[in-house]
């Protein structure tokens, strides 16, 4: 099962982490990335989009 991790900062400055394990939600988020970012994230690398940091972990 895949796990997509999103790290982001709130307006108050606190850092939040969201763990997404639903395959449908992961597929929707993957559409946000451009082709190069998709290749990076599929290899387990961290990808930054604006202020958010994304990482895909595979079992």
N, C-alpha and C. Protein backbone atom coordinates (compact mmCIF):
# COMPACT_ATOMS: atom_id res chain seq x y z
N UNK A 1 0.84 -1.18 0.00
CA UNK A 1 0.00 0.00 0.00
C UNK A 1 0.89 1.24 0.00
N UNK A 2 0.52 2.23 -0.77
CA UNK A 2 1.28 3.47 -0.87
C UNK A 2 0.82 4.46 0.20
N UNK A 3 1.75 5.34 0.54
CA UNK A 3 1.46 6.39 1.51
C UNK A 3 2.05 7.69 0.98
N UNK A 4 1.22 8.69 0.80
CA UNK A 4 1.66 10.00 0.33
C UNK A 4 1.71 10.93 1.54
N UNK A 5 2.88 11.53 1.77
CA UNK A 5 3.06 12.41 2.91
C UNK A 5 3.18 13.84 2.41
N UNK A 6 2.39 14.73 2.99
CA UNK A 6 2.42 16.14 2.64
C UNK A 6 2.77 16.93 3.89
N UNK A 7 3.84 17.72 3.81
CA UNK A 7 4.24 18.58 4.92
C UNK A 7 4.04 20.03 4.48
N UNK A 8 3.39 20.80 5.35
CA UNK A 8 3.11 22.19 5.02
C UNK A 8 3.05 23.03 6.29
N UNK A 9 3.19 24.35 6.11
CA UNK A 9 3.12 25.26 7.25
C UNK A 9 1.79 25.99 7.25
N UNK A 10 1.24 26.14 8.43
CA UNK A 10 0.01 26.90 8.61
C UNK A 10 0.35 28.39 8.65
N UNK A 11 -0.65 29.24 8.55
CA UNK A 11 -0.44 30.67 8.61
C UNK A 11 0.16 31.09 9.94
N UNK A 12 -0.09 30.32 10.99
CA UNK A 12 0.45 30.63 12.32
C UNK A 12 1.92 30.24 12.45
N UNK A 13 2.47 29.54 11.43
CA UNK A 13 3.86 29.13 11.46
C UNK A 13 4.08 27.70 11.90
N UNK A 14 3.04 27.05 12.39
CA UNK A 14 3.16 25.65 12.80
C UNK A 14 3.26 24.74 11.58
N UNK A 15 4.09 23.72 11.67
CA UNK A 15 4.24 22.77 10.58
C UNK A 15 3.28 21.61 10.80
N UNK A 16 2.57 21.24 9.74
CA UNK A 16 1.62 20.14 9.78
C UNK A 16 2.10 19.04 8.84
N UNK A 17 1.66 17.82 9.11
CA UNK A 17 1.95 16.69 8.24
C UNK A 17 0.66 15.93 8.00
N UNK A 18 0.37 15.67 6.74
CA UNK A 18 -0.82 14.91 6.37
C UNK A 18 -0.37 13.61 5.72
N UNK A 19 -0.91 12.50 6.19
CA UNK A 19 -0.57 11.19 5.63
C UNK A 19 -1.80 10.67 4.88
N UNK A 20 -1.63 10.46 3.60
CA UNK A 20 -2.73 10.06 2.73
C UNK A 20 -2.49 8.62 2.29
N UNK A 21 -3.42 7.72 2.63
CA UNK A 21 -3.25 6.32 2.26
C UNK A 21 -4.36 5.82 1.34
N UNK A 22 -5.32 6.67 1.02
CA UNK A 22 -6.41 6.29 0.13
C UNK A 22 -5.93 6.35 -1.33
N UNK A 23 -5.96 5.23 -2.05
CA UNK A 23 -5.45 5.20 -3.43
C UNK A 23 -6.11 6.22 -4.36
N UNK A 24 -7.41 6.47 -4.18
CA UNK A 24 -8.11 7.44 -5.02
C UNK A 24 -7.59 8.86 -4.78
N UNK A 25 -7.38 9.21 -3.53
CA UNK A 25 -6.85 10.54 -3.20
C UNK A 25 -5.42 10.70 -3.70
N UNK A 26 -4.62 9.64 -3.58
CA UNK A 26 -3.25 9.70 -4.07
C UNK A 26 -3.24 9.94 -5.58
N UNK A 27 -4.10 9.24 -6.30
CA UNK A 27 -4.19 9.41 -7.76
C UNK A 27 -4.58 10.84 -8.12
N UNK A 28 -5.51 11.43 -7.37
CA UNK A 28 -5.92 12.82 -7.63
C UNK A 28 -4.78 13.79 -7.38
N UNK A 29 -4.04 13.59 -6.28
CA UNK A 29 -2.92 14.48 -5.98
C UNK A 29 -1.80 14.33 -7.02
N UNK A 30 -1.60 13.14 -7.54
CA UNK A 30 -0.53 12.92 -8.52
C UNK A 30 -0.78 13.72 -9.80
N UNK A 31 -2.03 14.07 -10.06
CA UNK A 31 -2.35 14.89 -11.23
C UNK A 31 -1.87 16.33 -11.07
N UNK A 32 -1.57 16.75 -9.83
CA UNK A 32 -1.09 18.10 -9.58
C UNK A 32 0.36 18.29 -10.02
N UNK A 33 1.12 17.20 -10.05
CA UNK A 33 2.54 17.27 -10.33
C UNK A 33 2.81 17.28 -11.83
N UNK A 34 3.88 17.96 -12.23
CA UNK A 34 4.27 17.88 -13.64
C UNK A 34 5.02 16.57 -13.86
N UNK A 35 5.36 16.29 -15.09
CA UNK A 35 5.94 14.99 -15.46
C UNK A 35 7.24 14.69 -14.72
N UNK A 36 8.11 15.67 -14.60
CA UNK A 36 9.40 15.46 -13.91
C UNK A 36 9.19 15.18 -12.43
N UNK A 37 8.26 15.92 -11.82
CA UNK A 37 7.98 15.71 -10.39
C UNK A 37 7.39 14.32 -10.15
N UNK A 38 6.57 13.85 -11.05
CA UNK A 38 5.99 12.51 -10.91
C UNK A 38 7.09 11.46 -10.92
N UNK A 39 8.07 11.61 -11.81
CA UNK A 39 9.18 10.66 -11.86
C UNK A 39 9.96 10.68 -10.56
N UNK A 40 10.21 11.87 -10.02
CA UNK A 40 10.96 11.99 -8.76
C UNK A 40 10.19 11.35 -7.61
N UNK A 41 8.92 11.70 -7.51
CA UNK A 41 8.13 11.23 -6.36
C UNK A 41 7.94 9.72 -6.41
N UNK A 42 7.88 9.13 -7.60
CA UNK A 42 7.71 7.68 -7.72
C UNK A 42 8.97 6.93 -7.30
N UNK A 43 10.12 7.61 -7.28
CA UNK A 43 11.35 6.97 -6.82
C UNK A 43 11.56 7.19 -5.32
N UNK A 44 10.63 7.89 -4.66
CA UNK A 44 10.71 8.09 -3.22
C UNK A 44 11.37 9.40 -2.81
N UNK A 45 11.74 10.22 -3.79
CA UNK A 45 12.35 11.51 -3.47
C UNK A 45 11.29 12.49 -2.99
N UNK A 46 11.74 13.49 -2.25
CA UNK A 46 10.85 14.55 -1.80
C UNK A 46 10.71 15.59 -2.90
N UNK A 47 9.49 16.08 -3.09
CA UNK A 47 9.21 17.08 -4.12
C UNK A 47 8.57 18.28 -3.45
N UNK A 48 9.04 19.48 -3.80
CA UNK A 48 8.45 20.71 -3.26
C UNK A 48 7.61 21.37 -4.33
N UNK A 49 6.40 21.70 -3.98
CA UNK A 49 5.51 22.48 -4.83
C UNK A 49 5.07 23.67 -3.99
N UNK A 50 5.46 24.85 -4.44
CA UNK A 50 5.26 26.08 -3.69
C UNK A 50 5.84 25.89 -2.29
N UNK A 51 5.03 25.86 -1.25
CA UNK A 51 5.53 25.73 0.12
C UNK A 51 5.32 24.33 0.69
N UNK A 52 4.71 23.45 -0.07
CA UNK A 52 4.41 22.09 0.40
C UNK A 52 5.51 21.13 -0.03
N UNK A 53 5.79 20.17 0.85
CA UNK A 53 6.76 19.12 0.55
C UNK A 53 6.01 17.80 0.48
N UNK A 54 6.20 17.04 -0.59
CA UNK A 54 5.50 15.80 -0.83
C UNK A 54 6.48 14.64 -0.91
N UNK A 55 6.06 13.47 -0.42
CA UNK A 55 6.89 12.26 -0.56
C UNK A 55 5.97 11.05 -0.64
N UNK A 56 6.26 10.17 -1.56
CA UNK A 56 5.48 8.94 -1.75
C UNK A 56 6.30 7.76 -1.25
N UNK A 57 5.72 7.01 -0.32
CA UNK A 57 6.38 5.83 0.23
C UNK A 57 5.62 4.59 -0.24
N UNK A 58 6.35 3.64 -0.81
CA UNK A 58 5.76 2.39 -1.28
C UNK A 58 6.12 1.27 -0.33
N UNK A 59 5.25 0.28 -0.21
CA UNK A 59 5.54 -0.91 0.61
C UNK A 59 6.32 -1.91 -0.19
